[in-house]
Amino acid sequence: MTTEPNLEDHEPTDQDGDPVVDLVQIEEQLASLGLSEAAMSAMTESEARMICELAASRQQAEDARVRALADFRNYQRRSIENEARARRDGVTSFAKSLLSAIDHFDLALQSADTSSSVETFAEGIKIVRREIGRAFEANDIVEIAPEAGAAFEPGRHESIGVMPGDGALEAGTVAATVSAGYLLDEVVLRPARVMLVAESD
């Protein structure tokens, strides 16, 4: 390797004045890069140092890439685990809120065999319906049940037919709700099924 003038009179330093690797270390690094003896002998010391610095920078970049990839894979794994945990927690919370309704439903079914009246059985069913309604409220599920005369809202309402109006309701508005819809945080779980007021002849 060709040396430049005056470099042997002092310890080599970098731009910040810090000592840098000696020539033996440089030659070892160049050899590890696969350079031949002839190629190393033909270059100046500054060229050799530059090649070593570039090789070190490349290795640092590769190490950073590998670390970033490992961090990203860990992030993906944690995200999948967190999503699964959140879903499980949500289902668990909702299921727990329905347990009371299921208990009342079982009692209503048991009373069907021993009840002396249809009214008693019907009251049991009403209790179950109220419990389910409370479970929905506890989980921020809102009922969509438009009243007669309400404007038809595509997406929140689903028209299943028309029926004649009584003259008091505007054509195209809701005449009656057949089955309620449900909403969770502005996400329509199911639109309300409605009959619309027919156009007058």
N, C-alpha and C. Protein backbone atom coordinates (compact mmCIF):
# COMPACT_ATOMS: atom_id res chain seq x y z
N MET A 1 0.85 -1.18 0.00
CA MET A 1 0.00 0.00 0.00
C MET A 1 0.88 1.23 0.00
N THR A 2 0.63 2.19 -0.88
CA THR A 2 1.42 3.42 -0.99
C THR A 2 1.03 4.37 0.12
N THR A 3 2.03 4.90 0.84
CA THR A 3 1.74 5.85 1.92
C THR A 3 1.94 7.26 1.43
N GLU A 4 1.27 8.21 2.05
CA GLU A 4 1.40 9.61 1.69
C GLU A 4 2.41 10.28 2.60
N PRO A 5 3.01 11.37 2.21
CA PRO A 5 4.07 12.04 2.99
C PRO A 5 3.60 12.46 4.37
N ASN A 6 4.53 12.37 5.35
CA ASN A 6 4.36 12.88 6.71
C ASN A 6 3.34 12.12 7.56
N LEU A 7 2.75 11.03 7.03
CA LEU A 7 1.77 10.32 7.82
C LEU A 7 2.41 9.47 8.90
N GLU A 8 3.71 9.16 8.76
CA GLU A 8 4.37 8.31 9.74
C GLU A 8 4.87 9.11 10.94
N ASP A 9 4.83 10.46 10.85
CA ASP A 9 5.37 11.31 11.91
C ASP A 9 4.41 11.48 13.07
N HIS A 10 3.13 11.10 12.91
CA HIS A 10 2.16 11.28 14.00
C HIS A 10 1.07 10.21 13.87
N GLU A 11 0.33 10.05 14.96
CA GLU A 11 -0.75 9.06 14.94
C GLU A 11 -1.88 9.59 14.08
N PRO A 12 -2.40 8.78 13.14
CA PRO A 12 -3.48 9.24 12.26
C PRO A 12 -4.72 9.61 13.07
N THR A 13 -5.35 10.69 12.69
CA THR A 13 -6.59 11.12 13.33
C THR A 13 -7.64 11.39 12.27
N ASP A 14 -8.91 11.34 12.71
CA ASP A 14 -9.98 11.66 11.77
C ASP A 14 -10.28 13.15 11.83
N GLN A 15 -11.37 13.60 11.23
CA GLN A 15 -11.69 15.02 11.17
C GLN A 15 -11.92 15.63 12.54
N ASP A 16 -12.34 14.83 13.50
CA ASP A 16 -12.56 15.31 14.87
C ASP A 16 -11.32 15.22 15.74
N GLY A 17 -10.22 14.75 15.18
CA GLY A 17 -8.99 14.61 15.92
C GLY A 17 -8.88 13.33 16.71
N ASP A 18 -9.80 12.40 16.50
CA ASP A 18 -9.75 11.13 17.21
C ASP A 18 -8.84 10.15 16.48
N PRO A 19 -8.10 9.33 17.21
CA PRO A 19 -7.22 8.35 16.56
C PRO A 19 -8.03 7.38 15.72
N VAL A 20 -7.50 7.01 14.57
CA VAL A 20 -8.15 6.03 13.72
C VAL A 20 -7.30 4.76 13.68
N VAL A 21 -7.84 3.74 13.05
CA VAL A 21 -7.15 2.45 13.03
C VAL A 21 -5.83 2.56 12.30
N ASP A 22 -4.84 1.73 12.72
CA ASP A 22 -3.51 1.77 12.08
C ASP A 22 -3.52 1.01 10.77
N LEU A 23 -2.40 1.03 10.07
CA LEU A 23 -2.31 0.45 8.73
C LEU A 23 -2.53 -1.06 8.74
N VAL A 24 -2.08 -1.73 9.81
CA VAL A 24 -2.27 -3.17 9.87
C VAL A 24 -3.76 -3.50 9.94
N GLN A 25 -4.48 -2.73 10.77
CA GLN A 25 -5.92 -2.94 10.87
C GLN A 25 -6.61 -2.65 9.55
N ILE A 26 -6.14 -1.61 8.87
CA ILE A 26 -6.73 -1.25 7.57
C ILE A 26 -6.53 -2.39 6.58
N GLU A 27 -5.31 -2.93 6.54
CA GLU A 27 -5.02 -4.02 5.61
C GLU A 27 -5.88 -5.25 5.93
N GLU A 28 -6.07 -5.52 7.24
CA GLU A 28 -6.91 -6.65 7.63
C GLU A 28 -8.36 -6.42 7.18
N GLN A 29 -8.84 -5.18 7.33
CA GLN A 29 -10.21 -4.88 6.91
C GLN A 29 -10.36 -5.01 5.40
N LEU A 30 -9.34 -4.51 4.65
CA LEU A 30 -9.41 -4.62 3.19
C LEU A 30 -9.38 -6.08 2.75
N ALA A 31 -8.56 -6.88 3.43
CA ALA A 31 -8.49 -8.29 3.10
C ALA A 31 -9.81 -8.98 3.38
N SER A 32 -10.49 -8.56 4.48
CA SER A 32 -11.79 -9.17 4.81
C SER A 32 -12.86 -8.79 3.79
N LEU A 33 -12.61 -7.69 3.05
CA LEU A 33 -13.55 -7.30 2.00
C LEU A 33 -13.29 -8.05 0.70
N GLY A 34 -12.20 -8.84 0.67
CA GLY A 34 -11.91 -9.65 -0.52
C GLY A 34 -10.96 -8.98 -1.51
N LEU A 35 -10.32 -7.87 -1.10
CA LEU A 35 -9.38 -7.21 -2.02
C LEU A 35 -8.07 -7.98 -2.07
N SER A 36 -7.51 -8.02 -3.26
CA SER A 36 -6.24 -8.74 -3.44
C SER A 36 -5.08 -7.89 -2.94
N GLU A 37 -3.93 -8.56 -2.76
CA GLU A 37 -2.71 -7.86 -2.35
C GLU A 37 -2.34 -6.79 -3.37
N ALA A 38 -2.49 -7.11 -4.65
CA ALA A 38 -2.14 -6.16 -5.71
C ALA A 38 -3.02 -4.92 -5.63
N ALA A 39 -4.31 -5.12 -5.40
CA ALA A 39 -5.22 -3.98 -5.31
C ALA A 39 -4.91 -3.13 -4.10
N MET A 40 -4.58 -3.78 -2.98
CA MET A 40 -4.26 -3.00 -1.77
C MET A 40 -2.96 -2.24 -1.93
N SER A 41 -1.98 -2.81 -2.64
CA SER A 41 -0.70 -2.14 -2.83
C SER A 41 -0.82 -0.95 -3.76
N ALA A 42 -1.81 -0.98 -4.66
CA ALA A 42 -1.95 0.08 -5.66
C ALA A 42 -2.66 1.30 -5.11
N MET A 43 -3.30 1.21 -3.97
CA MET A 43 -4.05 2.36 -3.47
C MET A 43 -3.29 3.11 -2.39
N THR A 44 -3.60 4.40 -2.28
CA THR A 44 -2.97 5.23 -1.26
C THR A 44 -3.61 4.93 0.09
N GLU A 45 -2.97 5.40 1.14
CA GLU A 45 -3.52 5.17 2.47
C GLU A 45 -4.87 5.85 2.63
N SER A 46 -5.03 7.07 2.09
CA SER A 46 -6.31 7.76 2.23
C SER A 46 -7.41 7.01 1.48
N GLU A 47 -7.08 6.43 0.33
CA GLU A 47 -8.06 5.63 -0.40
C GLU A 47 -8.45 4.40 0.41
N ALA A 48 -7.44 3.77 1.03
CA ALA A 48 -7.71 2.59 1.84
C ALA A 48 -8.59 2.93 3.02
N ARG A 49 -8.27 4.07 3.68
CA ARG A 49 -9.09 4.48 4.81
C ARG A 49 -10.53 4.78 4.38
N MET A 50 -10.69 5.42 3.23
CA MET A 50 -12.02 5.75 2.73
C MET A 50 -12.83 4.49 2.46
N ILE A 51 -12.17 3.48 1.86
CA ILE A 51 -12.86 2.22 1.59
C ILE A 51 -13.29 1.55 2.90
N CYS A 52 -12.41 1.59 3.89
CA CYS A 52 -12.75 1.00 5.19
C CYS A 52 -13.91 1.73 5.86
N GLU A 53 -13.89 3.07 5.74
CA GLU A 53 -14.98 3.86 6.33
C GLU A 53 -16.31 3.57 5.63
N LEU A 54 -16.25 3.47 4.28
CA LEU A 54 -17.46 3.15 3.53
C LEU A 54 -17.98 1.76 3.89
N ALA A 55 -17.06 0.82 4.03
CA ALA A 55 -17.46 -0.54 4.41
C ALA A 55 -18.08 -0.55 5.80
N ALA A 56 -17.49 0.24 6.73
CA ALA A 56 -18.04 0.30 8.09
C ALA A 56 -19.42 0.95 8.08
N SER A 57 -19.58 2.01 7.25
CA SER A 57 -20.89 2.67 7.15
C SER A 57 -21.93 1.72 6.58
N ARG A 58 -21.50 0.95 5.57
CA ARG A 58 -22.43 -0.01 4.97
C ARG A 58 -22.86 -1.06 6.00
N GLN A 59 -21.89 -1.53 6.80
CA GLN A 59 -22.21 -2.53 7.81
C GLN A 59 -23.15 -1.96 8.87
N GLN A 60 -22.92 -0.68 9.25
CA GLN A 60 -23.81 -0.04 10.22
C GLN A 60 -25.22 0.07 9.66
N ALA A 61 -25.32 0.44 8.37
CA ALA A 61 -26.63 0.55 7.73
C ALA A 61 -27.32 -0.81 7.69
N GLU A 62 -26.55 -1.86 7.38
CA GLU A 62 -27.13 -3.20 7.33
C GLU A 62 -27.59 -3.64 8.72
N ASP A 63 -26.77 -3.34 9.75
CA ASP A 63 -27.16 -3.67 11.12
C ASP A 63 -28.44 -2.93 11.51
N ALA A 64 -28.53 -1.65 11.11
CA ALA A 64 -29.72 -0.86 11.43
C ALA A 64 -30.94 -1.42 10.71
N ARG A 65 -30.75 -1.87 9.45
CA ARG A 65 -31.86 -2.46 8.70
C ARG A 65 -32.36 -3.73 9.38
N VAL A 66 -31.42 -4.57 9.82
CA VAL A 66 -31.80 -5.82 10.48
C VAL A 66 -32.54 -5.53 11.78
N ARG A 67 -32.04 -4.53 12.55
CA ARG A 67 -32.71 -4.17 13.80
C ARG A 67 -34.11 -3.62 13.52
N ALA A 68 -34.23 -2.76 12.50
CA ALA A 68 -35.53 -2.18 12.16
C ALA A 68 -36.51 -3.27 11.73
N LEU A 69 -36.01 -4.24 10.95
CA LEU A 69 -36.88 -5.34 10.51
C LEU A 69 -37.33 -6.17 11.71
N ALA A 70 -36.41 -6.42 12.64
CA ALA A 70 -36.77 -7.19 13.85
C ALA A 70 -37.78 -6.42 14.68
N ASP A 71 -37.57 -5.08 14.81
CA ASP A 71 -38.52 -4.26 15.57
C ASP A 71 -39.90 -4.27 14.91
N PHE A 72 -39.92 -4.21 13.57
CA PHE A 72 -41.20 -4.20 12.86
C PHE A 72 -41.92 -5.53 13.04
N ARG A 73 -41.17 -6.63 12.97
CA ARG A 73 -41.80 -7.94 13.17
C ARG A 73 -42.35 -8.07 14.59
N ASN A 74 -41.61 -7.54 15.57
CA ASN A 74 -42.10 -7.56 16.95
C ASN A 74 -43.36 -6.71 17.08
N TYR A 75 -43.37 -5.55 16.39
CA TYR A 75 -44.54 -4.67 16.41
C TYR A 75 -45.75 -5.39 15.80
N GLN A 76 -45.52 -6.08 14.67
CA GLN A 76 -46.62 -6.82 14.04
C GLN A 76 -47.17 -7.89 14.98
N ARG A 77 -46.26 -8.62 15.62
CA ARG A 77 -46.68 -9.68 16.53
C ARG A 77 -47.49 -9.10 17.69
N ARG A 78 -46.98 -7.98 18.28
CA ARG A 78 -47.70 -7.36 19.40
C ARG A 78 -49.06 -6.82 18.95
N SER A 79 -49.11 -6.27 17.73
CA SER A 79 -50.38 -5.74 17.22
C SER A 79 -51.42 -6.85 17.07
N ILE A 80 -50.98 -7.99 16.53
CA ILE A 80 -51.90 -9.12 16.37
C ILE A 80 -52.37 -9.62 17.74
N GLU A 81 -51.44 -9.70 18.69
CA GLU A 81 -51.80 -10.15 20.03
C GLU A 81 -52.76 -9.17 20.70
N ASN A 82 -52.49 -7.84 20.54
CA ASN A 82 -53.35 -6.83 21.15
C ASN A 82 -54.74 -6.84 20.53
N GLU A 83 -54.79 -7.03 19.20
CA GLU A 83 -56.09 -7.09 18.52
C GLU A 83 -56.90 -8.29 18.99
N ALA A 84 -56.22 -9.43 19.12
CA ALA A 84 -56.92 -10.64 19.58
C ALA A 84 -57.39 -10.45 21.02
N ARG A 85 -56.56 -9.82 21.85
CA ARG A 85 -56.93 -9.60 23.26
C ARG A 85 -58.12 -8.63 23.35
N ALA A 86 -58.08 -7.56 22.53
CA ALA A 86 -59.17 -6.58 22.56
C ALA A 86 -60.48 -7.22 22.11
N ARG A 87 -60.40 -8.05 21.07
CA ARG A 87 -61.60 -8.73 20.59
C ARG A 87 -62.15 -9.67 21.67
N ARG A 88 -61.23 -10.43 22.30
CA ARG A 88 -61.66 -11.36 23.35
C ARG A 88 -62.29 -10.60 24.51
N ASP A 89 -61.68 -9.48 24.91
CA ASP A 89 -62.21 -8.69 26.02
C ASP A 89 -63.59 -8.13 25.67
N GLY A 90 -63.74 -7.67 24.40
CA GLY A 90 -65.03 -7.13 23.98
C GLY A 90 -66.12 -8.19 23.97
N VAL A 91 -65.80 -9.37 23.44
CA VAL A 91 -66.78 -10.45 23.41
C VAL A 91 -67.11 -10.90 24.83
N THR A 92 -66.09 -10.96 25.69
CA THR A 92 -66.31 -11.36 27.07
C THR A 92 -67.25 -10.40 27.78
N SER A 93 -67.01 -9.09 27.59
CA SER A 93 -67.84 -8.08 28.24
C SER A 93 -69.28 -8.19 27.77
N PHE A 94 -69.47 -8.36 26.45
CA PHE A 94 -70.83 -8.44 25.92
C PHE A 94 -71.52 -9.72 26.39
N ALA A 95 -70.79 -10.83 26.39
CA ALA A 95 -71.37 -12.10 26.83
C ALA A 95 -71.81 -12.02 28.29
N LYS A 96 -70.98 -11.40 29.13
CA LYS A 96 -71.34 -11.26 30.54
C LYS A 96 -72.61 -10.44 30.71
N SER A 97 -72.76 -9.40 29.86
CA SER A 97 -73.94 -8.55 29.98
C SER A 97 -75.22 -9.28 29.57
N LEU A 98 -75.08 -10.37 28.82
CA LEU A 98 -76.25 -11.14 28.38
C LEU A 98 -76.62 -12.28 29.33
N LEU A 99 -75.74 -12.58 30.28
CA LEU A 99 -75.99 -13.72 31.17
C LEU A 99 -77.28 -13.58 31.95
N SER A 100 -77.57 -12.38 32.44
CA SER A 100 -78.80 -12.16 33.20
C SER A 100 -80.02 -12.41 32.32
N ALA A 101 -79.95 -11.96 31.04
CA ALA A 101 -81.07 -12.19 30.12
C ALA A 101 -81.29 -13.67 29.89
N ILE A 102 -80.20 -14.42 29.76
CA ILE A 102 -80.30 -15.86 29.55
C ILE A 102 -80.94 -16.53 30.78
N ASP A 103 -80.55 -16.08 31.98
CA ASP A 103 -81.15 -16.63 33.21
C ASP A 103 -82.66 -16.40 33.22
N HIS A 104 -83.07 -15.17 32.88
CA HIS A 104 -84.50 -14.86 32.87
C HIS A 104 -85.22 -15.64 31.77
N PHE A 105 -84.55 -15.83 30.66
CA PHE A 105 -85.16 -16.61 29.58
C PHE A 105 -85.39 -18.05 30.02
N ASP A 106 -84.40 -18.63 30.72
CA ASP A 106 -84.56 -19.99 31.24
C ASP A 106 -85.73 -20.08 32.22
N LEU A 107 -85.85 -19.04 33.08
CA LEU A 107 -86.96 -19.03 34.04
C LEU A 107 -88.30 -18.94 33.31
N ALA A 108 -88.33 -18.13 32.22
CA ALA A 108 -89.57 -17.99 31.46
C ALA A 108 -89.95 -19.31 30.81
N LEU A 109 -88.96 -20.02 30.30
CA LEU A 109 -89.24 -21.32 29.68
C LEU A 109 -89.72 -22.34 30.71
N GLN A 110 -89.12 -22.30 31.91
CA GLN A 110 -89.56 -23.21 32.96
C GLN A 110 -91.00 -22.91 33.39
N SER A 111 -91.31 -21.61 33.42
CA SER A 111 -92.67 -21.23 33.84
C SER A 111 -93.71 -21.60 32.80
N ALA A 112 -93.26 -21.81 31.54
CA ALA A 112 -94.21 -22.17 30.49
C ALA A 112 -94.87 -23.50 30.79
N ASP A 113 -94.14 -24.39 31.47
CA ASP A 113 -94.69 -25.72 31.80
C ASP A 113 -95.63 -25.67 33.01
N THR A 114 -95.41 -24.68 33.90
CA THR A 114 -96.19 -24.63 35.14
C THR A 114 -97.13 -23.44 35.21
N SER A 115 -96.96 -22.50 34.29
CA SER A 115 -97.75 -21.27 34.35
C SER A 115 -99.22 -21.56 34.09
N SER A 116 -100.07 -20.88 34.85
CA SER A 116 -101.51 -21.08 34.69
C SER A 116 -102.12 -20.13 33.67
N SER A 117 -101.30 -19.15 33.19
CA SER A 117 -101.85 -18.20 32.23
C SER A 117 -100.80 -17.77 31.21
N VAL A 118 -101.32 -17.39 30.06
CA VAL A 118 -100.45 -16.86 29.00
C VAL A 118 -99.83 -15.54 29.44
N GLU A 119 -100.56 -14.79 30.25
CA GLU A 119 -100.07 -13.49 30.70
C GLU A 119 -98.78 -13.61 31.51
N THR A 120 -98.72 -14.63 32.36
CA THR A 120 -97.52 -14.84 33.18
C THR A 120 -96.32 -15.17 32.30
N PHE A 121 -96.57 -16.03 31.32
CA PHE A 121 -95.48 -16.39 30.40
C PHE A 121 -95.04 -15.17 29.59
N ALA A 122 -95.99 -14.38 29.13
CA ALA A 122 -95.67 -13.18 28.34
C ALA A 122 -94.86 -12.20 29.17
N GLU A 123 -95.21 -12.09 30.46
CA GLU A 123 -94.46 -11.18 31.33
C GLU A 123 -93.00 -11.62 31.46
N GLY A 124 -92.80 -12.94 31.53
CA GLY A 124 -91.43 -13.45 31.59
C GLY A 124 -90.64 -13.10 30.34
N ILE A 125 -91.29 -13.19 29.17
CA ILE A 125 -90.63 -12.84 27.92
C ILE A 125 -90.29 -11.35 27.88
N LYS A 126 -91.19 -10.52 28.42
CA LYS A 126 -90.93 -9.08 28.46
C LYS A 126 -89.71 -8.76 29.33
N ILE A 127 -89.57 -9.50 30.43
CA ILE A 127 -88.41 -9.30 31.31
C ILE A 127 -87.12 -9.63 30.56
N VAL A 128 -87.15 -10.73 29.80
CA VAL A 128 -85.97 -11.11 29.00
C VAL A 128 -85.63 -10.00 28.01
N ARG A 129 -86.66 -9.47 27.35
CA ARG A 129 -86.43 -8.41 26.35
C ARG A 129 -85.82 -7.17 27.00
N ARG A 130 -86.28 -6.83 28.18
CA ARG A 130 -85.71 -5.67 28.89
C ARG A 130 -84.25 -5.92 29.26
N GLU A 131 -83.94 -7.14 29.70
CA GLU A 131 -82.56 -7.47 30.07
C GLU A 131 -81.64 -7.37 28.85
N ILE A 132 -82.11 -7.84 27.71
CA ILE A 132 -81.29 -7.75 26.49
C ILE A 132 -81.08 -6.28 26.11
N GLY A 133 -82.14 -5.48 26.25
CA GLY A 133 -82.03 -4.05 25.98
C GLY A 133 -81.00 -3.38 26.88
N ARG A 134 -80.98 -3.76 28.16
CA ARG A 134 -79.99 -3.21 29.10
C ARG A 134 -78.58 -3.64 28.72
N ALA A 135 -78.44 -4.90 28.28
CA ALA A 135 -77.12 -5.39 27.85
C ALA A 135 -76.62 -4.59 26.65
N PHE A 136 -77.53 -4.29 25.71
CA PHE A 136 -77.15 -3.48 24.55
C PHE A 136 -76.72 -2.08 24.98
N GLU A 137 -77.49 -1.49 25.88
CA GLU A 137 -77.16 -0.14 26.36
C GLU A 137 -75.80 -0.12 27.05
N ALA A 138 -75.53 -1.15 27.84
CA ALA A 138 -74.25 -1.22 28.55
C ALA A 138 -73.08 -1.30 27.60
N ASN A 139 -73.31 -1.79 26.37
CA ASN A 139 -72.25 -1.91 25.38
C ASN A 139 -72.39 -0.86 24.26
N ASP A 140 -73.15 0.21 24.57
CA ASP A 140 -73.30 1.35 23.64
C ASP A 140 -73.93 0.96 22.31
N ILE A 141 -74.78 -0.05 22.32
CA ILE A 141 -75.54 -0.42 21.12
C ILE A 141 -76.88 0.29 21.18
N VAL A 142 -77.12 1.14 20.19
CA VAL A 142 -78.31 1.99 20.17
C VAL A 142 -79.34 1.43 19.19
N GLU A 143 -80.58 1.44 19.61
CA GLU A 143 -81.66 0.95 18.75
C GLU A 143 -82.05 2.01 17.72
N ILE A 144 -82.29 1.59 16.49
CA ILE A 144 -82.80 2.47 15.44
C ILE A 144 -84.25 2.06 15.20
N ALA A 145 -85.18 2.89 15.63
CA ALA A 145 -86.61 2.57 15.46
C ALA A 145 -87.34 3.88 15.12
N PRO A 146 -87.29 4.28 13.86
CA PRO A 146 -87.91 5.56 13.47
C PRO A 146 -89.42 5.54 13.67
N GLU A 147 -89.95 6.67 14.08
CA GLU A 147 -91.39 6.79 14.28
C GLU A 147 -92.08 7.09 12.95
N ALA A 148 -93.36 6.89 12.92
CA ALA A 148 -94.14 7.19 11.72
C ALA A 148 -93.98 8.66 11.36
N GLY A 149 -93.71 8.91 10.09
CA GLY A 149 -93.52 10.28 9.63
C GLY A 149 -92.07 10.71 9.59
N ALA A 150 -91.17 9.90 10.15
CA ALA A 150 -89.74 10.24 10.13
C ALA A 150 -89.20 10.13 8.71
N ALA A 151 -88.19 10.96 8.40
CA ALA A 151 -87.58 10.91 7.07
C ALA A 151 -86.86 9.58 6.88
N PHE A 152 -86.93 9.04 5.68
CA PHE A 152 -86.23 7.80 5.37
C PHE A 152 -84.74 8.09 5.23
N GLU A 153 -83.90 7.32 5.93
CA GLU A 153 -82.44 7.52 5.91
C GLU A 153 -81.78 6.27 5.33
N PRO A 154 -81.37 6.31 4.06
CA PRO A 154 -80.67 5.16 3.48
C PRO A 154 -79.43 4.81 4.32
N GLY A 155 -79.20 3.54 4.49
CA GLY A 155 -78.07 3.09 5.31
C GLY A 155 -78.52 2.76 6.72
N ARG A 156 -79.30 3.67 7.33
CA ARG A 156 -79.84 3.41 8.67
C ARG A 156 -81.20 2.73 8.60
N HIS A 157 -81.90 2.96 7.48
CA HIS A 157 -83.21 2.35 7.27
C HIS A 157 -83.18 1.49 6.01
N GLU A 158 -83.95 0.42 6.01
CA GLU A 158 -84.09 -0.44 4.84
C GLU A 158 -85.58 -0.55 4.51
N SER A 159 -85.95 -0.08 3.32
CA SER A 159 -87.36 -0.13 2.92
C SER A 159 -87.70 -1.54 2.45
N ILE A 160 -88.79 -2.08 3.01
CA ILE A 160 -89.22 -3.42 2.59
C ILE A 160 -90.59 -3.37 1.90
N GLY A 161 -91.10 -2.15 1.69
CA GLY A 161 -92.37 -2.01 1.00
C GLY A 161 -93.02 -0.68 1.28
N VAL A 162 -94.21 -0.50 0.72
CA VAL A 162 -94.96 0.74 0.95
C VAL A 162 -96.35 0.40 1.44
N MET A 163 -96.97 1.37 2.08
CA MET A 163 -98.34 1.20 2.52
C MET A 163 -99.05 2.54 2.39
N PRO A 164 -100.36 2.51 2.19
CA PRO A 164 -101.09 3.77 2.02
C PRO A 164 -101.01 4.63 3.28
N GLY A 165 -100.88 5.92 3.06
CA GLY A 165 -100.85 6.84 4.20
C GLY A 165 -102.26 7.26 4.59
N ASP A 166 -102.34 7.95 5.71
CA ASP A 166 -103.64 8.42 6.19
C ASP A 166 -103.88 9.87 5.82
N GLY A 167 -103.02 10.40 4.97
CA GLY A 167 -103.14 11.79 4.56
C GLY A 167 -102.35 12.74 5.43
N ALA A 168 -102.00 12.31 6.64
CA ALA A 168 -101.23 13.18 7.55
C ALA A 168 -99.73 13.02 7.34
N LEU A 169 -99.31 11.89 6.74
CA LEU A 169 -97.88 11.62 6.55
C LEU A 169 -97.47 11.89 5.12
N GLU A 170 -96.31 12.46 4.97
CA GLU A 170 -95.77 12.78 3.64
C GLU A 170 -95.31 11.51 2.93
N ALA A 171 -95.60 11.43 1.63
CA ALA A 171 -95.18 10.25 0.85
C ALA A 171 -93.66 10.11 0.90
N GLY A 172 -93.22 8.85 1.02
CA GLY A 172 -91.78 8.57 1.05
C GLY A 172 -91.18 8.59 2.44
N THR A 173 -91.97 9.01 3.44
CA THR A 173 -91.48 8.97 4.81
C THR A 173 -91.81 7.60 5.42
N VAL A 174 -91.34 7.38 6.64
CA VAL A 174 -91.58 6.10 7.32
C VAL A 174 -93.04 6.00 7.73
N ALA A 175 -93.69 4.92 7.31
CA ALA A 175 -95.07 4.67 7.73
C ALA A 175 -95.09 3.83 8.99
N ALA A 176 -94.19 2.84 9.08
CA ALA A 176 -94.12 1.97 10.26
C ALA A 176 -92.78 1.25 10.27
N THR A 177 -92.28 0.97 11.48
CA THR A 177 -91.06 0.19 11.64
C THR A 177 -91.45 -1.27 11.87
N VAL A 178 -90.98 -2.15 10.99
CA VAL A 178 -91.28 -3.57 11.10
C VAL A 178 -90.33 -4.24 12.08
N SER A 179 -89.05 -3.94 11.97
CA SER A 179 -88.07 -4.46 12.94
C SER A 179 -86.98 -3.41 13.14
N ALA A 180 -86.61 -3.23 14.39
CA ALA A 180 -85.62 -2.21 14.73
C ALA A 180 -84.24 -2.55 14.19
N GLY A 181 -83.48 -1.51 13.94
CA GLY A 181 -82.08 -1.68 13.58
C GLY A 181 -81.21 -1.36 14.79
N TYR A 182 -79.90 -1.54 14.63
CA TYR A 182 -79.00 -1.29 15.76
C TYR A 182 -77.72 -0.62 15.28
N LEU A 183 -77.21 0.26 16.15
CA LEU A 183 -76.07 1.11 15.81
C LEU A 183 -75.03 1.01 16.92
N LEU A 184 -73.77 0.88 16.54
CA LEU A 184 -72.66 0.87 17.51
C LEU A 184 -71.60 1.85 17.05
N ASP A 185 -71.44 2.94 17.82
CA ASP A 185 -70.44 3.96 17.47
C ASP A 185 -70.53 4.39 16.01
N GLU A 186 -71.72 4.75 15.59
CA GLU A 186 -71.99 5.20 14.22
C GLU A 186 -71.84 4.10 13.17
N VAL A 187 -71.58 2.88 13.59
CA VAL A 187 -71.54 1.74 12.66
C VAL A 187 -72.89 1.04 12.73
N VAL A 188 -73.56 0.94 11.59
CA VAL A 188 -74.87 0.30 11.55
C VAL A 188 -74.68 -1.21 11.58
N LEU A 189 -75.10 -1.83 12.67
CA LEU A 189 -75.04 -3.29 12.78
C LEU A 189 -76.13 -3.92 11.91
N ARG A 190 -77.28 -3.27 11.91
CA ARG A 190 -78.39 -3.71 11.07
C ARG A 190 -79.32 -2.52 10.88
N PRO A 191 -79.70 -2.22 9.64
CA PRO A 191 -80.63 -1.11 9.44
C PRO A 191 -82.04 -1.48 9.91
N ALA A 192 -82.80 -0.48 10.29
CA ALA A 192 -84.19 -0.72 10.67
C ALA A 192 -84.99 -1.04 9.40
N ARG A 193 -85.80 -2.07 9.47
CA ARG A 193 -86.65 -2.45 8.33
C ARG A 193 -87.97 -1.71 8.47
N VAL A 194 -88.29 -0.92 7.44
CA VAL A 194 -89.44 -0.03 7.55
C VAL A 194 -90.34 -0.13 6.33
N MET A 195 -91.59 0.25 6.54
CA MET A 195 -92.55 0.44 5.45
C MET A 195 -92.65 1.94 5.21
N LEU A 196 -92.72 2.32 3.93
CA LEU A 196 -92.79 3.74 3.59
C LEU A 196 -94.20 4.12 3.19
N VAL A 197 -94.48 5.42 3.31
CA VAL A 197 -95.79 5.93 2.91
C VAL A 197 -95.84 5.96 1.37
N ALA A 198 -96.86 5.35 0.81
CA ALA A 198 -96.97 5.29 -0.64
C ALA A 198 -97.39 6.63 -1.22
N GLU A 199 -97.01 6.84 -2.46
CA GLU A 199 -97.45 8.04 -3.18
C GLU A 199 -98.96 8.00 -3.32
N SER A 200 -99.60 9.14 -3.14
CA SER A 200 -101.06 9.17 -3.30
C SER A 200 -101.44 9.12 -4.78
N ASP A 201 -102.54 8.52 -5.09
CA ASP A 201 -102.98 8.40 -6.48
C ASP A 201 -103.53 9.72 -6.99
